[in-house]
Amino acid sequence: MQQASNFEMVIKLIDLIIWPVTLLVIVLIFRRNFSNAFERLGSIKADASGLAINFEKKLEETKQLFDKIKPKNISKAGVGIKTYVNQNDSPYKEVLDIRSDIINYLRLKSETAGLDADTLSPQELTNRLLNLNKLDENQAKMISAMLDLTNNADANTTKQQAESINNLFKQIEIEK
């Protein structure tokens, strides 16, 4: 009888620790992948509404890229650059409007270059326009970074983040 109870205790112990050990092994095997995923997330906020993933880190990376590029001169004759001051707009809508302005600019440039803008993604348009020398390299990098940044925005975007994105948008040389 004593052996059976010891055996049962060992089985219960194994049953108790098998899942934590399995999880630990998976984390150790895929630690590099988990590390990269958490770096891309930025910060995570958990509250009653669920998880909110903040793209603050992506915003900071884009700011650093723009600081490195520093466009040569911003043309005073540039068109299509808006300053968003409408207090009724949510910060997320402001970011979406900036994205829309960038995409519209790419479409106009594509039409003048003879590209079919309807069949290409904004990123593909940027690359094609760069290859056709319709965009300079720095401008293409900035547009790509802004497309990536605005694509990662969500309804939890703050007013400060929207203003930062708008300031970055103003640095892109957009002219006719």
N, C-alpha and C. Protein backbone atom coordinates (compact mmCIF):
# COMPACT_ATOMS: atom_id res chain seq x y z
N MET A 1 0.80 -1.19 0.00
CA MET A 1 0.00 0.00 0.00
C MET A 1 0.85 1.27 0.00
N GLN A 2 1.94 1.25 0.75
CA GLN A 2 2.81 2.41 0.86
C GLN A 2 3.43 2.73 -0.50
N GLN A 3 3.82 1.69 -1.28
CA GLN A 3 4.41 1.93 -2.59
C GLN A 3 3.40 2.57 -3.54
N ALA A 4 2.17 2.18 -3.49
CA ALA A 4 1.14 2.75 -4.35
C ALA A 4 0.94 4.22 -4.04
N SER A 5 0.94 4.59 -2.80
CA SER A 5 0.74 5.99 -2.46
C SER A 5 1.94 6.84 -2.88
N ASN A 6 3.17 6.30 -2.77
CA ASN A 6 4.35 7.01 -3.26
C ASN A 6 4.29 7.16 -4.78
N PHE A 7 3.88 6.11 -5.44
CA PHE A 7 3.75 6.15 -6.90
C PHE A 7 2.71 7.19 -7.31
N GLU A 8 1.60 7.22 -6.62
CA GLU A 8 0.54 8.20 -6.90
C GLU A 8 1.03 9.62 -6.66
N MET A 9 1.84 9.81 -5.65
CA MET A 9 2.37 11.14 -5.37
C MET A 9 3.34 11.60 -6.47
N VAL A 10 4.13 10.67 -6.98
CA VAL A 10 5.05 11.00 -8.07
C VAL A 10 4.25 11.37 -9.32
N ILE A 11 3.19 10.62 -9.59
CA ILE A 11 2.34 10.92 -10.76
C ILE A 11 1.69 12.29 -10.60
N LYS A 12 1.19 12.60 -9.41
CA LYS A 12 0.59 13.90 -9.17
C LYS A 12 1.61 15.03 -9.31
N LEU A 13 2.83 14.78 -8.85
CA LEU A 13 3.90 15.77 -8.98
C LEU A 13 4.23 16.02 -10.44
N ILE A 14 4.35 14.96 -11.22
CA ILE A 14 4.63 15.09 -12.66
C ILE A 14 3.48 15.81 -13.34
N ASP A 15 2.25 15.44 -12.98
CA ASP A 15 1.08 16.07 -13.56
C ASP A 15 1.05 17.57 -13.24
N LEU A 16 1.52 17.92 -12.07
CA LEU A 16 1.52 19.31 -11.63
C LEU A 16 2.58 20.16 -12.35
N ILE A 17 3.74 19.60 -12.60
CA ILE A 17 4.84 20.41 -13.18
C ILE A 17 5.03 20.25 -14.67
N ILE A 18 4.29 19.35 -15.33
CA ILE A 18 4.55 19.09 -16.75
C ILE A 18 4.29 20.33 -17.62
N TRP A 19 3.20 21.07 -17.39
CA TRP A 19 2.90 22.23 -18.24
C TRP A 19 3.85 23.40 -18.00
N PRO A 20 4.17 23.73 -16.79
CA PRO A 20 5.16 24.82 -16.61
C PRO A 20 6.52 24.46 -17.22
N VAL A 21 6.94 23.21 -17.11
CA VAL A 21 8.22 22.79 -17.69
C VAL A 21 8.13 22.86 -19.21
N THR A 22 7.01 22.41 -19.78
CA THR A 22 6.83 22.46 -21.23
C THR A 22 6.87 23.91 -21.72
N LEU A 23 6.19 24.79 -21.02
CA LEU A 23 6.19 26.20 -21.38
C LEU A 23 7.59 26.80 -21.29
N LEU A 24 8.33 26.44 -20.26
CA LEU A 24 9.70 26.92 -20.10
C LEU A 24 10.58 26.44 -21.25
N VAL A 25 10.44 25.19 -21.66
CA VAL A 25 11.23 24.65 -22.77
C VAL A 25 10.89 25.39 -24.07
N ILE A 26 9.60 25.65 -24.30
CA ILE A 26 9.19 26.37 -25.52
C ILE A 26 9.78 27.78 -25.52
N VAL A 27 9.70 28.46 -24.39
CA VAL A 27 10.26 29.82 -24.29
C VAL A 27 11.77 29.80 -24.53
N LEU A 28 12.46 28.80 -23.98
CA LEU A 28 13.91 28.72 -24.19
C LEU A 28 14.25 28.44 -25.64
N ILE A 29 13.48 27.59 -26.30
CA ILE A 29 13.75 27.26 -27.70
C ILE A 29 13.50 28.47 -28.60
N PHE A 30 12.41 29.18 -28.33
CA PHE A 30 12.03 30.29 -29.20
C PHE A 30 12.30 31.66 -28.57
N ARG A 31 13.27 31.75 -27.68
CA ARG A 31 13.51 33.00 -26.95
C ARG A 31 13.87 34.14 -27.88
N ARG A 32 14.60 33.89 -28.94
CA ARG A 32 14.97 34.94 -29.88
C ARG A 32 13.72 35.50 -30.57
N ASN A 33 12.82 34.60 -30.96
CA ASN A 33 11.58 35.04 -31.61
C ASN A 33 10.71 35.84 -30.65
N PHE A 34 10.60 35.37 -29.40
CA PHE A 34 9.81 36.11 -28.42
C PHE A 34 10.43 37.47 -28.15
N SER A 35 11.74 37.52 -28.06
CA SER A 35 12.44 38.78 -27.81
C SER A 35 12.15 39.79 -28.92
N ASN A 36 12.27 39.35 -30.17
CA ASN A 36 12.00 40.24 -31.30
C ASN A 36 10.55 40.71 -31.31
N ALA A 37 9.63 39.81 -31.00
CA ALA A 37 8.21 40.18 -30.98
C ALA A 37 7.93 41.23 -29.91
N PHE A 38 8.49 41.05 -28.72
CA PHE A 38 8.26 42.02 -27.65
C PHE A 38 8.92 43.36 -27.96
N GLU A 39 10.05 43.36 -28.65
CA GLU A 39 10.68 44.62 -29.04
C GLU A 39 9.80 45.40 -30.01
N ARG A 40 9.14 44.69 -30.93
CA ARG A 40 8.27 45.35 -31.90
C ARG A 40 7.00 45.90 -31.27
N LEU A 41 6.56 45.31 -30.18
CA LEU A 41 5.31 45.73 -29.56
C LEU A 41 5.40 47.10 -28.93
N GLY A 42 6.53 47.46 -28.41
CA GLY A 42 6.61 48.71 -27.67
C GLY A 42 6.15 48.47 -26.26
N SER A 43 5.09 49.12 -25.85
CA SER A 43 4.58 48.89 -24.50
C SER A 43 3.18 48.32 -24.57
N ILE A 44 2.82 47.58 -23.54
CA ILE A 44 1.51 46.95 -23.49
C ILE A 44 0.79 47.49 -22.26
N LYS A 45 -0.47 47.87 -22.47
CA LYS A 45 -1.28 48.37 -21.36
C LYS A 45 -2.48 47.44 -21.20
N ALA A 46 -2.64 46.88 -20.04
CA ALA A 46 -3.77 46.00 -19.76
C ALA A 46 -4.73 46.72 -18.82
N ASP A 47 -5.99 46.79 -19.22
CA ASP A 47 -7.01 47.38 -18.35
C ASP A 47 -8.33 46.64 -18.56
N ALA A 48 -9.42 47.21 -18.08
CA ALA A 48 -10.72 46.55 -18.17
C ALA A 48 -11.15 46.33 -19.62
N SER A 49 -10.69 47.17 -20.54
CA SER A 49 -11.08 47.02 -21.94
C SER A 49 -10.23 45.98 -22.67
N GLY A 50 -9.21 45.47 -22.02
CA GLY A 50 -8.36 44.45 -22.64
C GLY A 50 -6.94 44.95 -22.79
N LEU A 51 -6.21 44.38 -23.74
CA LEU A 51 -4.82 44.77 -23.98
C LEU A 51 -4.76 45.85 -25.04
N ALA A 52 -3.95 46.85 -24.81
CA ALA A 52 -3.72 47.90 -25.79
C ALA A 52 -2.23 47.95 -26.07
N ILE A 53 -1.86 47.75 -27.31
CA ILE A 53 -0.45 47.77 -27.68
C ILE A 53 -0.12 49.16 -28.20
N ASN A 54 0.82 49.79 -27.56
CA ASN A 54 1.21 51.15 -27.88
C ASN A 54 2.37 51.12 -28.87
N PHE A 55 2.31 51.96 -29.88
CA PHE A 55 3.37 51.95 -30.89
C PHE A 55 4.37 53.07 -30.67
N GLU A 56 4.58 53.44 -29.41
CA GLU A 56 5.51 54.51 -29.06
C GLU A 56 6.92 54.20 -29.56
N LYS A 57 7.34 52.95 -29.44
CA LYS A 57 8.70 52.61 -29.87
C LYS A 57 8.86 52.80 -31.38
N LYS A 58 7.83 52.41 -32.15
CA LYS A 58 7.86 52.59 -33.60
C LYS A 58 7.94 54.08 -33.94
N LEU A 59 7.22 54.90 -33.19
CA LEU A 59 7.25 56.33 -33.40
C LEU A 59 8.65 56.88 -33.14
N GLU A 60 9.28 56.43 -32.08
CA GLU A 60 10.63 56.89 -31.75
C GLU A 60 11.64 56.47 -32.83
N GLU A 61 11.50 55.25 -33.34
CA GLU A 61 12.40 54.79 -34.41
C GLU A 61 12.24 55.66 -35.64
N THR A 62 11.00 56.02 -35.98
CA THR A 62 10.75 56.86 -37.15
C THR A 62 11.34 58.25 -36.94
N LYS A 63 11.20 58.79 -35.73
CA LYS A 63 11.79 60.10 -35.42
C LYS A 63 13.31 60.06 -35.60
N GLN A 64 13.93 58.98 -35.12
CA GLN A 64 15.38 58.85 -35.26
C GLN A 64 15.79 58.77 -36.72
N LEU A 65 15.02 58.05 -37.53
CA LEU A 65 15.32 57.97 -38.97
C LEU A 65 15.23 59.34 -39.60
N PHE A 66 14.18 60.10 -39.27
CA PHE A 66 14.01 61.43 -39.84
C PHE A 66 15.14 62.35 -39.39
N ASP A 67 15.57 62.21 -38.14
CA ASP A 67 16.68 63.03 -37.65
C ASP A 67 17.96 62.74 -38.42
N LYS A 68 18.18 61.47 -38.78
CA LYS A 68 19.37 61.11 -39.56
C LYS A 68 19.29 61.68 -40.97
N ILE A 69 18.11 61.62 -41.57
CA ILE A 69 17.96 62.03 -42.97
C ILE A 69 18.00 63.54 -43.12
N LYS A 70 17.30 64.27 -42.27
CA LYS A 70 17.24 65.73 -42.34
C LYS A 70 17.12 66.20 -43.79
N PRO A 71 15.92 66.35 -44.30
CA PRO A 71 15.77 66.78 -45.70
C PRO A 71 16.52 68.08 -45.96
N LYS A 72 17.08 68.18 -47.18
CA LYS A 72 17.93 69.32 -47.51
C LYS A 72 17.21 70.65 -47.31
N ASN A 73 16.13 70.90 -48.01
CA ASN A 73 15.35 72.13 -47.85
C ASN A 73 13.88 71.79 -48.01
N ILE A 74 13.06 72.34 -47.16
CA ILE A 74 11.63 72.14 -47.32
C ILE A 74 11.12 73.28 -48.18
N SER A 75 10.54 72.93 -49.30
CA SER A 75 10.08 73.92 -50.26
C SER A 75 8.88 74.68 -49.72
N LYS A 76 8.90 76.01 -49.84
CA LYS A 76 7.76 76.80 -49.40
C LYS A 76 6.60 76.66 -50.37
N ALA A 77 6.88 76.19 -51.58
CA ALA A 77 5.83 76.02 -52.58
C ALA A 77 5.19 74.65 -52.49
N GLY A 78 5.52 73.89 -51.46
CA GLY A 78 4.95 72.56 -51.32
C GLY A 78 3.45 72.61 -51.15
N VAL A 79 2.77 71.61 -51.68
CA VAL A 79 1.31 71.54 -51.54
C VAL A 79 0.96 70.23 -50.89
N GLY A 80 -0.22 70.17 -50.37
CA GLY A 80 -0.71 68.94 -49.79
C GLY A 80 -0.31 68.75 -48.34
N ILE A 81 0.44 69.68 -47.77
CA ILE A 81 0.82 69.55 -46.37
C ILE A 81 -0.21 70.30 -45.54
N LYS A 82 -0.88 69.56 -44.68
CA LYS A 82 -1.91 70.15 -43.85
C LYS A 82 -1.44 70.15 -42.40
N THR A 83 -1.89 71.12 -41.67
CA THR A 83 -1.69 71.10 -40.23
C THR A 83 -3.05 70.78 -39.62
N TYR A 84 -3.10 69.72 -38.86
CA TYR A 84 -4.36 69.26 -38.32
C TYR A 84 -4.63 69.95 -36.99
N VAL A 85 -5.62 70.83 -37.00
CA VAL A 85 -5.96 71.55 -35.79
C VAL A 85 -7.42 71.38 -35.41
N ASN A 86 -8.17 70.62 -36.18
CA ASN A 86 -9.57 70.41 -35.88
C ASN A 86 -9.70 69.67 -34.57
N GLN A 87 -10.30 70.30 -33.58
CA GLN A 87 -10.40 69.71 -32.25
C GLN A 87 -11.38 68.54 -32.22
N ASN A 88 -12.26 68.43 -33.23
CA ASN A 88 -13.24 67.34 -33.25
C ASN A 88 -12.64 66.03 -33.73
N ASP A 89 -11.52 66.10 -34.42
CA ASP A 89 -10.89 64.88 -34.92
C ASP A 89 -10.20 64.14 -33.78
N SER A 90 -10.35 62.83 -33.79
CA SER A 90 -9.61 62.02 -32.83
C SER A 90 -8.16 61.94 -33.29
N PRO A 91 -7.23 61.70 -32.39
CA PRO A 91 -5.83 61.56 -32.80
C PRO A 91 -5.65 60.45 -33.84
N TYR A 92 -6.39 59.36 -33.69
CA TYR A 92 -6.29 58.27 -34.65
C TYR A 92 -6.74 58.71 -36.03
N LYS A 93 -7.82 59.50 -36.10
CA LYS A 93 -8.30 60.00 -37.39
C LYS A 93 -7.26 60.92 -38.03
N GLU A 94 -6.60 61.72 -37.21
CA GLU A 94 -5.54 62.60 -37.72
C GLU A 94 -4.42 61.77 -38.36
N VAL A 95 -4.05 60.68 -37.71
CA VAL A 95 -3.00 59.81 -38.25
C VAL A 95 -3.47 59.18 -39.55
N LEU A 96 -4.73 58.74 -39.59
CA LEU A 96 -5.27 58.16 -40.82
C LEU A 96 -5.33 59.19 -41.95
N ASP A 97 -5.63 60.45 -41.61
CA ASP A 97 -5.65 61.51 -42.62
C ASP A 97 -4.25 61.76 -43.18
N ILE A 98 -3.24 61.71 -42.32
CA ILE A 98 -1.86 61.87 -42.78
C ILE A 98 -1.50 60.72 -43.71
N ARG A 99 -1.86 59.51 -43.33
CA ARG A 99 -1.60 58.34 -44.19
C ARG A 99 -2.30 58.53 -45.54
N SER A 100 -3.53 58.98 -45.50
CA SER A 100 -4.28 59.20 -46.74
C SER A 100 -3.61 60.25 -47.62
N ASP A 101 -3.10 61.33 -47.01
CA ASP A 101 -2.39 62.37 -47.78
C ASP A 101 -1.14 61.80 -48.45
N ILE A 102 -0.42 60.96 -47.74
CA ILE A 102 0.79 60.34 -48.31
C ILE A 102 0.42 59.44 -49.48
N ILE A 103 -0.61 58.64 -49.30
CA ILE A 103 -1.04 57.73 -50.37
C ILE A 103 -1.54 58.51 -51.58
N ASN A 104 -2.30 59.59 -51.33
CA ASN A 104 -2.76 60.42 -52.45
C ASN A 104 -1.60 61.05 -53.20
N TYR A 105 -0.59 61.50 -52.47
CA TYR A 105 0.60 62.06 -53.10
C TYR A 105 1.29 61.01 -53.97
N LEU A 106 1.41 59.79 -53.45
CA LEU A 106 2.04 58.72 -54.22
C LEU A 106 1.23 58.40 -55.47
N ARG A 107 -0.09 58.42 -55.35
CA ARG A 107 -0.94 58.15 -56.51
C ARG A 107 -0.76 59.23 -57.60
N LEU A 108 -0.71 60.49 -57.17
CA LEU A 108 -0.50 61.57 -58.14
C LEU A 108 0.86 61.44 -58.83
N LYS A 109 1.90 61.17 -58.05
CA LYS A 109 3.23 60.97 -58.63
C LYS A 109 3.24 59.78 -59.58
N SER A 110 2.51 58.73 -59.22
CA SER A 110 2.46 57.53 -60.05
C SER A 110 1.76 57.79 -61.38
N GLU A 111 0.69 58.57 -61.33
CA GLU A 111 -0.02 58.89 -62.57
C GLU A 111 0.87 59.66 -63.52
N THR A 112 1.64 60.62 -63.00
CA THR A 112 2.54 61.38 -63.87
C THR A 112 3.69 60.52 -64.39
N ALA A 113 4.02 59.46 -63.66
CA ALA A 113 5.10 58.56 -64.09
C ALA A 113 4.58 57.42 -64.95
N GLY A 114 3.25 57.36 -65.14
CA GLY A 114 2.68 56.31 -65.98
C GLY A 114 2.51 54.97 -65.27
N LEU A 115 2.48 54.97 -63.96
CA LEU A 115 2.29 53.73 -63.20
C LEU A 115 0.82 53.56 -62.87
N ASP A 116 0.37 52.30 -62.80
CA ASP A 116 -1.00 52.00 -62.43
C ASP A 116 -1.07 51.92 -60.91
N ALA A 117 -1.52 52.99 -60.29
CA ALA A 117 -1.53 53.09 -58.83
C ALA A 117 -2.56 52.17 -58.18
N ASP A 118 -3.56 51.74 -58.94
CA ASP A 118 -4.62 50.90 -58.37
C ASP A 118 -4.16 49.48 -58.09
N THR A 119 -3.14 49.02 -58.78
CA THR A 119 -2.70 47.63 -58.61
C THR A 119 -1.51 47.49 -57.66
N LEU A 120 -0.96 48.60 -57.21
CA LEU A 120 0.23 48.55 -56.36
C LEU A 120 -0.08 49.09 -54.97
N SER A 121 0.56 48.51 -53.97
CA SER A 121 0.44 49.00 -52.60
C SER A 121 1.22 50.31 -52.49
N PRO A 122 0.93 51.10 -51.45
CA PRO A 122 1.70 52.35 -51.27
C PRO A 122 3.21 52.11 -51.17
N GLN A 123 3.61 51.02 -50.52
CA GLN A 123 5.03 50.72 -50.40
C GLN A 123 5.62 50.38 -51.76
N GLU A 124 4.88 49.62 -52.57
CA GLU A 124 5.35 49.29 -53.91
C GLU A 124 5.43 50.54 -54.78
N LEU A 125 4.45 51.44 -54.63
CA LEU A 125 4.49 52.70 -55.37
C LEU A 125 5.74 53.50 -55.01
N THR A 126 6.04 53.55 -53.72
CA THR A 126 7.22 54.27 -53.27
C THR A 126 8.48 53.69 -53.90
N ASN A 127 8.61 52.37 -53.89
CA ASN A 127 9.79 51.72 -54.47
C ASN A 127 9.88 51.95 -55.97
N ARG A 128 8.75 51.86 -56.66
CA ARG A 128 8.77 52.08 -58.12
C ARG A 128 9.12 53.53 -58.45
N LEU A 129 8.55 54.47 -57.70
CA LEU A 129 8.86 55.88 -57.94
C LEU A 129 10.32 56.18 -57.66
N LEU A 130 10.88 55.53 -56.66
CA LEU A 130 12.30 55.68 -56.37
C LEU A 130 13.13 55.14 -57.53
N ASN A 131 12.78 53.98 -58.04
CA ASN A 131 13.51 53.38 -59.17
C ASN A 131 13.42 54.23 -60.43
N LEU A 132 12.30 54.96 -60.58
CA LEU A 132 12.13 55.83 -61.75
C LEU A 132 12.69 57.24 -61.51
N ASN A 133 13.34 57.44 -60.37
CA ASN A 133 13.91 58.74 -59.98
C ASN A 133 12.84 59.83 -59.86
N LYS A 134 11.62 59.45 -59.51
CA LYS A 134 10.56 60.42 -59.26
C LYS A 134 10.53 60.82 -57.78
N LEU A 135 11.23 60.05 -56.95
CA LEU A 135 11.44 60.37 -55.54
C LEU A 135 12.93 60.22 -55.27
N ASP A 136 13.48 61.11 -54.43
CA ASP A 136 14.88 60.90 -54.06
C ASP A 136 14.92 59.86 -52.94
N GLU A 137 16.10 59.33 -52.68
CA GLU A 137 16.25 58.23 -51.74
C GLU A 137 15.79 58.58 -50.32
N ASN A 138 16.16 59.78 -49.87
CA ASN A 138 15.76 60.20 -48.52
C ASN A 138 14.25 60.35 -48.41
N GLN A 139 13.65 60.94 -49.43
CA GLN A 139 12.20 61.11 -49.41
C GLN A 139 11.51 59.75 -49.41
N ALA A 140 12.01 58.81 -50.18
CA ALA A 140 11.43 57.47 -50.23
C ALA A 140 11.55 56.77 -48.87
N LYS A 141 12.70 56.93 -48.20
CA LYS A 141 12.87 56.34 -46.86
C LYS A 141 11.88 56.93 -45.87
N MET A 142 11.71 58.25 -45.94
CA MET A 142 10.80 58.92 -45.02
C MET A 142 9.36 58.50 -45.27
N ILE A 143 8.98 58.42 -46.54
CA ILE A 143 7.62 57.99 -46.88
C ILE A 143 7.39 56.56 -46.42
N SER A 144 8.36 55.68 -46.66
CA SER A 144 8.23 54.29 -46.23
C SER A 144 8.08 54.19 -44.72
N ALA A 145 8.89 54.95 -44.00
CA ALA A 145 8.81 54.93 -42.54
C ALA A 145 7.46 55.45 -42.06
N MET A 146 6.95 56.50 -42.70
CA MET A 146 5.65 57.04 -42.31
C MET A 146 4.52 56.07 -42.64
N LEU A 147 4.62 55.39 -43.77
CA LEU A 147 3.59 54.39 -44.11
C LEU A 147 3.58 53.27 -43.07
N ASP A 148 4.76 52.83 -42.68
CA ASP A 148 4.87 51.77 -41.67
C ASP A 148 4.34 52.26 -40.32
N LEU A 149 4.72 53.46 -39.94
CA LEU A 149 4.29 54.02 -38.67
C LEU A 149 2.77 54.20 -38.62
N THR A 150 2.21 54.83 -39.64
CA THR A 150 0.77 55.09 -39.64
C THR A 150 -0.03 53.80 -39.76
N ASN A 151 0.56 52.80 -40.36
CA ASN A 151 -0.11 51.50 -40.45
C ASN A 151 -0.21 50.83 -39.08
N ASN A 152 0.71 51.14 -38.18
CA ASN A 152 0.72 50.54 -36.85
C ASN A 152 -0.13 51.31 -35.84
N ALA A 153 -0.65 52.46 -36.23
CA ALA A 153 -1.48 53.25 -35.32
C ALA A 153 -2.79 52.52 -35.05
N ASP A 154 -3.38 52.82 -33.91
CA ASP A 154 -4.69 52.25 -33.59
C ASP A 154 -5.53 53.28 -32.85
N ALA A 155 -6.71 52.89 -32.43
CA ALA A 155 -7.65 53.81 -31.78
C ALA A 155 -7.11 54.37 -30.47
N ASN A 156 -6.07 53.78 -29.91
CA ASN A 156 -5.49 54.25 -28.66
C ASN A 156 -4.40 55.29 -28.87
N THR A 157 -4.22 55.75 -30.09
CA THR A 157 -3.21 56.76 -30.39
C THR A 157 -3.52 58.03 -29.61
N THR A 158 -2.51 58.59 -28.98
CA THR A 158 -2.71 59.80 -28.17
C THR A 158 -2.55 61.05 -29.03
N LYS A 159 -3.02 62.16 -28.51
CA LYS A 159 -2.90 63.46 -29.20
C LYS A 159 -1.43 63.81 -29.40
N GLN A 160 -0.61 63.55 -28.40
CA GLN A 160 0.83 63.85 -28.50
C GLN A 160 1.47 63.02 -29.62
N GLN A 161 1.10 61.75 -29.73
CA GLN A 161 1.64 60.91 -30.79
C GLN A 161 1.20 61.42 -32.15
N ALA A 162 -0.08 61.80 -32.27
CA ALA A 162 -0.59 62.33 -33.54
C ALA A 162 0.15 63.61 -33.94
N GLU A 163 0.42 64.48 -32.96
CA GLU A 163 1.17 65.71 -33.24
C GLU A 163 2.59 65.40 -33.68
N SER A 164 3.22 64.41 -33.06
CA SER A 164 4.57 64.01 -33.46
C SER A 164 4.58 63.49 -34.88
N ILE A 165 3.59 62.69 -35.22
CA ILE A 165 3.49 62.15 -36.58
C ILE A 165 3.25 63.28 -37.57
N ASN A 166 2.40 64.24 -37.21
CA ASN A 166 2.14 65.38 -38.09
C ASN A 166 3.42 66.20 -38.30
N ASN A 167 4.22 66.39 -37.25
CA ASN A 167 5.49 67.11 -37.39
C ASN A 167 6.46 66.36 -38.30
N LEU A 168 6.48 65.05 -38.19
CA LEU A 168 7.32 64.25 -39.10
C LEU A 168 6.82 64.37 -40.54
N PHE A 169 5.52 64.35 -40.69
CA PHE A 169 4.93 64.46 -42.03
C PHE A 169 5.32 65.77 -42.71
N LYS A 170 5.38 66.84 -41.94
CA LYS A 170 5.75 68.15 -42.49
C LYS A 170 7.18 68.16 -43.02
N GLN A 171 8.02 67.24 -42.55
CA GLN A 171 9.42 67.20 -42.98
C GLN A 171 9.59 66.54 -44.34
N ILE A 172 8.58 65.81 -44.80
CA ILE A 172 8.68 65.16 -46.11
C ILE A 172 8.44 66.22 -47.18
N GLU A 173 9.33 66.27 -48.15
CA GLU A 173 9.20 67.24 -49.23
C GLU A 173 8.14 66.76 -50.21
N ILE A 174 6.99 67.41 -50.15
CA ILE A 174 5.89 67.07 -51.07
C ILE A 174 5.58 68.30 -51.88
N GLU A 175 5.83 68.20 -53.17
CA GLU A 175 5.53 69.31 -54.07
C GLU A 175 4.94 68.76 -55.35
N LYS A 176 4.39 69.65 -56.16
CA LYS A 176 3.78 69.25 -57.44
C LYS A 176 4.85 68.93 -58.44
